[in-house]
Amino acid sequence: MTPTATWPPLSHDYPFDPTYGYDLDALLRVEPPPEPPGFVETWQQWYQAALTIDPCPQVTRSKECYPGFQVLDWSYISTNDFPIRGWLLLPEQEAPTKALICGHGYGSLVQPEGPLPCPDALYAIPCFRGLGRSARPSISTEPRWHVLHDIDKPERYILRGCVEDLWTATSALLALYPWLSGRIGYLGISFGGGIGALALAWETRIARGHLNVPTFGHQPLRLQLPTAGSGASVQDFMRRHGRHLAVNLYLYDAAVAARYIRQPMHLALALFDPMVAPPGQFAIYNALPGEKRLFILRAGHFAYPERLAQEQQLLAELQGFFKSLGE
């Protein structure tokens, strides 16, 4: 953990308190919500189906640059024949000893982003369906609309497809680099953090994972607590079209899924976050049954004086956390 006693309250212009009245002790007591019927059976069925997909990965030299790495354009086929595009970053000075799949947040992912914690790792960066290089006209790239895509159809909700994009990314990576089996980790931030929790609960080929300010944790709270993030459009949708549809979201609760994550996990969670309410973030951490480490961020999705120093400290921790993948 990171010391918090010396951090004074942050000033802001939001019409609500982005701490939601929770201190660290209270956040560490947030429990995940009840598990909906059929949760495990449904997700295991989806995972097994995704494993049957031949992703047919392709790579070509990219025009993008990233210091210390060779950048390749990467594409593969996910479920529903959805074409996923992104990048592979290979270390220039040495053969990779491990691979890290990176799950991005909402926003315009137009090039590989960093910083990256391990100079000896291969980085696989898929753009989740409908976003970045995997955009499709029928799916909005705007977070407030993307998060609503097929939300009224629980088996077709966009989050399911994005989780499957991560599973098939793992298949595509292993098809290209089979000697990295057992040496794959995951880094997910915000949207990619929530998707990671939903995916890692069933994914046995990823050995350890890091989630940074993950969303989709504790959906009942997510529907209640005020937010400036994509969750606000979900709340508005439920008000307009009937809260009975909220049951669809319970199948996509990252805190419920976290109960089934068996890999060692490292989480960076915020005490103050106007986009992803901290109680939902901590519900994911609290639900993890196995080895876990916690890094406390003063804030998430918000600029603050210690941000750069905390990011550098976090990178150092992650380098140590993922070191064992290459041993």
Protein backbone atom coordinates (compact mmCIF):
# COMPACT_ATOMS: atom_id res chain seq x y z
CA MET A 1 0.00 0.00 0.00
CA THR A 2 0.91 3.67 -0.28
CA PRO A 3 0.78 6.08 2.70
CA THR A 4 -2.36 8.22 2.66
CA ALA A 5 -2.30 10.12 5.93
CA THR A 6 -0.48 13.15 4.52
CA TRP A 7 -2.81 13.68 1.55
CA PRO A 8 -5.19 16.63 2.07
CA PRO A 9 -8.57 16.70 0.29
CA LEU A 10 -8.40 17.50 -3.43
CA SER A 11 -10.24 20.56 -4.71
CA HIS A 12 -12.55 19.99 -7.67
CA ASP A 13 -15.56 21.37 -9.55
CA TYR A 14 -17.72 18.24 -9.59
CA PRO A 15 -21.23 18.55 -8.12
CA PHE A 16 -20.56 15.42 -6.03
CA ASP A 17 -17.80 14.10 -3.80
CA PRO A 18 -15.49 11.78 -5.83
CA THR A 19 -14.53 9.98 -2.61
CA TYR A 20 -18.22 9.22 -2.00
CA GLY A 21 -17.55 9.58 1.73
CA TYR A 22 -15.35 6.46 1.89
CA ASP A 23 -11.95 6.46 3.58
CA LEU A 24 -9.47 3.65 3.00
CA ASP A 25 -10.77 1.53 5.86
CA ALA A 26 -14.32 1.76 4.53
CA LEU A 27 -13.19 0.95 0.98
CA LEU A 28 -11.44 -2.17 2.20
CA ARG A 29 -14.75 -3.35 3.69
CA VAL A 30 -16.80 -3.05 0.47
CA GLU A 31 -18.03 -6.53 -0.41
CA PRO A 32 -19.00 -7.69 -3.91
CA PRO A 33 -22.72 -7.99 -4.64
CA PRO A 34 -24.55 -11.33 -4.74
CA GLU A 35 -23.76 -13.59 -7.66
CA PRO A 36 -26.57 -13.82 -10.25
CA PRO A 37 -27.91 -17.28 -11.15
CA GLY A 38 -25.92 -19.06 -13.85
CA PHE A 39 -22.99 -16.64 -13.65
CA VAL A 40 -20.22 -19.25 -13.62
CA GLU A 41 -21.86 -21.57 -16.15
CA THR A 42 -22.50 -18.73 -18.61
CA TRP A 43 -18.97 -17.33 -18.51
CA GLN A 44 -17.33 -20.73 -18.69
CA GLN A 45 -19.44 -21.57 -21.72
CA TRP A 46 -18.43 -18.31 -23.42
CA TYR A 47 -14.75 -18.91 -22.62
CA GLN A 48 -14.76 -22.45 -24.00
CA ALA A 49 -16.47 -21.23 -27.18
CA ALA A 50 -13.84 -18.50 -27.60
CA LEU A 51 -11.07 -21.10 -27.34
CA THR A 52 -12.39 -22.78 -30.51
CA ILE A 53 -11.78 -19.64 -32.59
CA ASP A 54 -8.83 -19.72 -34.99
CA PRO A 55 -7.69 -16.07 -34.75
CA CYS A 56 -5.52 -16.21 -37.91
CA PRO A 57 -3.10 -13.54 -36.63
CA GLN A 58 -1.21 -11.36 -39.08
CA VAL A 59 1.65 -8.94 -38.51
CA THR A 60 3.26 -6.31 -40.71
CA ARG A 61 5.85 -3.63 -40.03
CA SER A 62 4.20 -0.55 -38.56
CA LYS A 63 4.75 3.13 -39.23
CA GLU A 64 4.44 3.75 -35.49
CA CYS A 65 7.51 4.14 -33.30
CA TYR A 66 8.15 3.43 -29.64
CA PRO A 67 11.56 3.93 -28.00
CA GLY A 68 13.39 0.65 -27.41
CA PHE A 69 10.87 -1.46 -29.31
CA GLN A 70 10.13 -2.61 -32.84
CA VAL A 71 6.47 -1.92 -33.56
CA LEU A 72 4.36 -4.27 -35.67
CA ASP A 73 0.80 -3.80 -36.83
CA TRP A 74 -1.20 -6.76 -35.52
CA SER A 75 -4.59 -8.12 -36.53
CA TYR A 76 -6.62 -11.21 -35.71
CA ILE A 77 -10.16 -12.54 -35.82
CA SER A 78 -12.25 -12.57 -32.66
CA THR A 79 -15.68 -14.05 -31.97
CA ASN A 80 -18.50 -13.28 -34.41
CA ASP A 81 -15.78 -12.91 -37.08
CA PHE A 82 -14.96 -9.49 -35.66
CA PRO A 83 -11.61 -8.18 -36.96
CA ILE A 84 -9.43 -6.83 -34.15
CA ARG A 85 -6.42 -4.63 -34.86
CA GLY A 86 -3.66 -3.27 -32.71
CA TRP A 87 0.10 -3.50 -32.24
CA LEU A 88 2.86 -5.79 -31.08
CA LEU A 89 5.93 -4.23 -29.50
CA LEU A 90 9.09 -6.35 -29.50
CA PRO A 91 12.20 -5.31 -27.56
CA GLU A 92 14.95 -4.18 -29.92
CA GLN A 93 17.95 -5.27 -27.86
CA GLU A 94 16.96 -8.77 -26.73
CA ALA A 95 14.56 -11.62 -27.28
CA PRO A 96 11.42 -11.22 -25.16
CA THR A 97 11.36 -13.30 -21.99
CA LYS A 98 7.64 -12.76 -21.41
CA ALA A 99 4.56 -11.18 -22.95
CA LEU A 100 2.18 -8.61 -21.51
CA ILE A 101 -1.23 -8.03 -23.05
CA CYS A 102 -2.39 -4.45 -22.54
CA GLY A 103 -6.06 -3.52 -22.15
CA HIS A 104 -6.74 0.15 -22.87
CA GLY A 105 -9.18 2.57 -21.33
CA TYR A 106 -11.91 4.50 -23.08
CA GLY A 107 -10.60 7.19 -25.36
CA SER A 108 -8.91 7.53 -28.72
CA LEU A 109 -6.26 4.83 -28.91
CA VAL A 110 -4.42 5.84 -32.08
CA GLN A 111 -0.91 4.64 -31.22
CA PRO A 112 0.86 2.47 -28.67
CA GLU A 113 0.85 4.20 -25.31
CA GLY A 114 3.11 3.90 -22.28
CA PRO A 115 5.14 3.98 -20.22
CA LEU A 116 5.81 0.25 -20.19
CA PRO A 117 7.19 -1.43 -17.06
CA CYS A 118 9.33 -4.28 -18.45
CA PRO A 119 11.94 -3.61 -21.18
CA ASP A 120 12.37 -7.35 -21.81
CA ALA A 121 8.68 -8.04 -22.54
CA LEU A 122 6.74 -8.36 -25.75
CA TYR A 123 3.66 -6.13 -25.53
CA ALA A 124 0.44 -7.12 -27.27
CA ILE A 125 -1.99 -4.21 -27.56
CA PRO A 126 -5.38 -5.08 -29.06
CA CYS A 127 -8.00 -2.40 -29.61
CA PHE A 128 -11.25 -3.76 -28.22
CA ARG A 129 -14.11 -4.05 -30.71
CA GLY A 130 -15.65 -0.77 -31.73
CA LEU A 131 -12.72 1.28 -30.42
CA GLY A 132 -9.46 2.61 -31.82
CA ARG A 133 -8.19 0.56 -34.74
CA SER A 134 -11.05 -1.91 -34.26
CA ALA A 135 -13.75 0.68 -34.95
CA ARG A 136 -16.81 -0.35 -36.94
CA PRO A 137 -19.55 2.02 -38.22
CA SER A 138 -22.32 0.15 -36.41
CA ILE A 139 -20.64 0.73 -33.00
CA SER A 140 -20.07 4.21 -31.62
CA THR A 141 -16.54 5.06 -30.54
CA GLU A 142 -17.95 7.53 -28.02
CA PRO A 143 -17.71 6.00 -24.52
CA ARG A 144 -21.21 7.12 -23.52
CA TRP A 145 -22.68 5.21 -26.49
CA HIS A 146 -20.19 2.35 -26.76
CA VAL A 147 -20.99 1.27 -23.18
CA LEU A 148 -24.68 1.05 -24.13
CA HIS A 149 -24.25 -1.03 -27.27
CA ASP A 150 -26.73 -3.95 -27.00
CA ILE A 151 -27.04 -3.40 -23.25
CA ASP A 152 -30.66 -4.59 -23.49
CA LYS A 153 -29.47 -7.95 -24.89
CA PRO A 154 -27.42 -9.64 -22.14
CA GLU A 155 -25.91 -12.31 -24.39
CA ARG A 156 -24.90 -9.73 -27.02
CA TYR A 157 -23.82 -6.84 -24.80
CA ILE A 158 -20.64 -5.17 -26.10
CA LEU A 159 -18.72 -6.04 -22.92
CA ARG A 160 -19.02 -9.73 -23.71
CA GLY A 161 -17.40 -9.16 -27.09
CA CYS A 162 -14.60 -7.11 -25.55
CA VAL A 163 -13.85 -9.86 -23.04
CA GLU A 164 -13.77 -12.34 -25.90
CA ASP A 165 -11.38 -10.01 -27.74
CA LEU A 166 -8.96 -10.46 -24.84
CA TRP A 167 -9.35 -14.25 -24.86
CA THR A 168 -8.78 -14.42 -28.61
CA ALA A 169 -5.85 -11.99 -28.27
CA THR A 170 -4.24 -14.59 -26.02
CA SER A 171 -4.87 -17.26 -28.64
CA ALA A 172 -3.44 -15.03 -31.38
CA LEU A 173 -0.36 -14.24 -29.32
CA LEU A 174 0.34 -17.91 -28.60
CA ALA A 175 -0.17 -18.81 -32.25
CA LEU A 176 2.67 -16.43 -33.13
CA TYR A 177 4.91 -17.04 -30.11
CA PRO A 178 4.09 -20.48 -28.67
CA TRP A 179 7.32 -20.53 -26.60
CA LEU A 180 5.83 -17.74 -24.43
CA SER A 181 3.20 -20.13 -23.06
CA GLY A 182 3.09 -19.78 -19.28
CA ARG A 183 4.85 -16.41 -19.50
CA ILE A 184 1.90 -14.14 -20.29
CA GLY A 185 0.64 -11.36 -18.04
CA TYR A 186 -2.06 -8.73 -18.36
CA LEU A 187 -2.09 -4.97 -17.80
CA GLY A 188 -5.52 -3.30 -17.90
CA ILE A 189 -6.53 0.26 -17.08
CA SER A 190 -10.03 1.64 -16.43
CA PHE A 191 -12.23 0.03 -19.13
CA GLY A 192 -9.43 -2.47 -19.82
CA GLY A 193 -9.18 -3.12 -16.10
CA GLY A 194 -12.82 -4.12 -15.81
CA ILE A 195 -12.61 -6.21 -18.97
CA GLY A 196 -9.51 -7.85 -17.52
CA ALA A 197 -11.28 -8.86 -14.31
CA LEU A 198 -14.14 -10.39 -16.29
CA ALA A 199 -11.70 -12.26 -18.54
CA LEU A 200 -9.07 -13.44 -16.05
CA ALA A 201 -11.66 -15.21 -13.92
CA TRP A 202 -11.78 -17.91 -16.60
CA GLU A 203 -8.56 -17.43 -18.58
CA THR A 204 -5.97 -20.02 -17.55
CA ARG A 205 -3.29 -19.00 -20.06
CA ILE A 206 -2.55 -15.64 -18.40
CA ALA A 207 -0.36 -16.21 -15.35
CA ARG A 208 -0.75 -12.91 -13.48
CA GLY A 209 -2.46 -9.58 -13.94
CA HIS A 210 -2.52 -5.90 -13.02
CA LEU A 211 -5.69 -3.82 -12.97
CA ASN A 212 -5.50 -0.02 -12.72
CA VAL A 213 -8.66 1.85 -11.56
CA PRO A 214 -10.86 -0.94 -13.02
CA THR A 215 -14.49 -0.27 -13.85
CA PHE A 216 -17.58 -2.56 -13.85
CA GLY A 217 -17.09 -3.43 -10.18
CA HIS A 218 -20.24 -3.75 -8.01
CA GLN A 219 -22.88 -2.87 -10.61
CA PRO A 220 -25.60 -2.03 -8.04
CA LEU A 221 -23.35 0.68 -6.58
CA ARG A 222 -22.27 1.75 -10.08
CA LEU A 223 -25.92 2.42 -10.92
CA GLN A 224 -26.43 4.52 -7.79
CA LEU A 225 -23.31 6.62 -7.25
CA PRO A 226 -23.05 9.88 -9.26
CA THR A 227 -20.31 9.86 -11.86
CA ALA A 228 -18.88 11.88 -14.73
CA GLY A 229 -17.79 8.74 -16.58
CA SER A 230 -19.45 6.35 -19.02
CA GLY A 231 -21.45 4.96 -16.10
CA ALA A 232 -23.55 8.15 -16.20
CA SER A 233 -24.98 7.14 -19.58
CA VAL A 234 -25.79 3.69 -18.17
CA GLN A 235 -27.61 5.31 -15.26
CA ASP A 236 -29.52 7.59 -17.62
CA PHE A 237 -30.45 4.65 -19.85
CA MET A 238 -31.86 2.74 -16.90
CA ARG A 239 -33.91 5.76 -15.77
CA ARG A 240 -35.34 6.22 -19.26
CA HIS A 241 -35.96 2.63 -20.27
CA GLY A 242 -36.65 0.80 -17.05
CA ARG A 243 -34.50 -0.25 -14.16
CA HIS A 244 -35.62 -3.84 -14.73
CA LEU A 245 -32.89 -3.91 -17.38
CA ALA A 246 -30.27 -3.51 -14.64
CA VAL A 247 -30.35 -7.28 -14.17
CA ASN A 248 -28.53 -7.50 -17.52
CA LEU A 249 -25.55 -5.72 -15.97
CA TYR A 250 -25.25 -8.11 -13.05
CA LEU A 251 -23.84 -10.69 -15.43
CA TYR A 252 -21.04 -8.21 -16.17
CA ASP A 253 -19.90 -7.42 -12.65
CA ALA A 254 -16.12 -7.39 -12.35
CA ALA A 255 -16.32 -7.78 -8.55
CA VAL A 256 -18.39 -10.94 -8.85
CA ALA A 257 -15.99 -12.31 -11.46
CA ALA A 258 -13.01 -11.47 -9.23
CA ARG A 259 -14.09 -14.21 -6.81
CA TYR A 260 -12.94 -16.70 -9.47
CA ILE A 261 -9.56 -15.15 -10.31
CA ARG A 262 -6.83 -17.51 -9.17
CA GLN A 263 -3.78 -15.76 -10.62
CA PRO A 264 -1.59 -13.47 -8.50
CA MET A 265 -2.98 -9.95 -8.95
CA HIS A 266 -1.68 -6.42 -8.51
CA LEU A 267 -4.25 -3.61 -8.34
CA ALA A 268 -3.77 0.18 -8.36
CA LEU A 269 -6.90 1.72 -6.88
CA ALA A 270 -7.90 5.34 -6.29
CA LEU A 271 -9.26 7.00 -3.17
CA PHE A 272 -10.79 9.80 -5.31
CA ASP A 273 -12.18 9.17 -8.78
CA PRO A 274 -15.00 11.06 -10.53
CA MET A 275 -15.16 8.60 -13.44
CA VAL A 276 -14.95 5.19 -11.72
CA ALA A 277 -16.28 5.29 -8.17
CA PRO A 278 -13.66 3.96 -5.70
CA PRO A 279 -16.11 1.62 -3.89
CA GLY A 280 -16.55 -0.29 -7.15
CA GLN A 281 -12.79 -0.49 -7.66
CA PHE A 282 -12.19 -1.81 -4.15
CA ALA A 283 -15.05 -4.31 -4.43
CA ILE A 284 -12.96 -6.04 -7.11
CA TYR A 285 -9.84 -6.13 -4.94
CA ASN A 286 -11.73 -7.26 -1.85
CA ALA A 287 -13.30 -10.15 -3.77
CA LEU A 288 -9.97 -11.61 -4.90
CA PRO A 289 -9.41 -14.88 -3.03
CA GLY A 290 -5.73 -15.45 -3.70
CA GLU A 291 -2.39 -13.64 -3.77
CA LYS A 292 -2.94 -9.92 -4.25
CA ARG A 293 -1.09 -6.66 -3.89
CA LEU A 294 -2.56 -3.17 -3.54
CA PHE A 295 -1.14 0.16 -4.66
CA ILE A 296 -3.10 3.17 -3.43
CA LEU A 297 -3.49 6.07 -5.87
CA ARG A 298 -4.41 9.44 -4.45
CA ALA A 299 -6.79 9.90 -7.40
CA GLY A 300 -7.86 8.29 -10.66
CA HIS A 301 -8.98 10.00 -13.86
CA PHE A 302 -7.88 13.29 -12.29
CA ALA A 303 -4.71 15.38 -12.29
CA TYR A 304 -3.01 15.80 -8.91
CA PRO A 305 0.45 16.94 -7.73
CA GLU A 306 1.84 13.50 -6.90
CA ARG A 307 0.61 11.82 -10.06
CA LEU A 308 3.95 11.55 -11.91
CA ALA A 309 5.79 10.34 -8.82
CA GLN A 310 3.10 7.73 -8.16
CA GLU A 311 3.20 6.54 -11.77
CA GLN A 312 6.95 6.03 -11.55
CA GLN A 313 6.62 4.19 -8.24
CA LEU A 314 3.89 2.00 -9.73
CA LEU A 315 6.03 1.14 -12.77
CA ALA A 316 8.83 0.00 -10.48
CA GLU A 317 6.43 -2.23 -8.55
CA LEU A 318 5.04 -3.73 -11.74
CA GLN A 319 8.49 -4.52 -13.07
CA GLY A 320 9.08 -6.58 -9.93
CA PHE A 321 5.60 -8.10 -9.99
CA PHE A 322 5.99 -9.40 -13.55
CA LYS A 323 9.66 -10.39 -13.21
CA SER A 324 8.82 -14.02 -12.41
CA LEU A 325 7.15 -14.46 -15.81
CA GLY A 326 10.56 -14.42 -17.46
CA GLU A 327 12.31 -16.74 -15.01
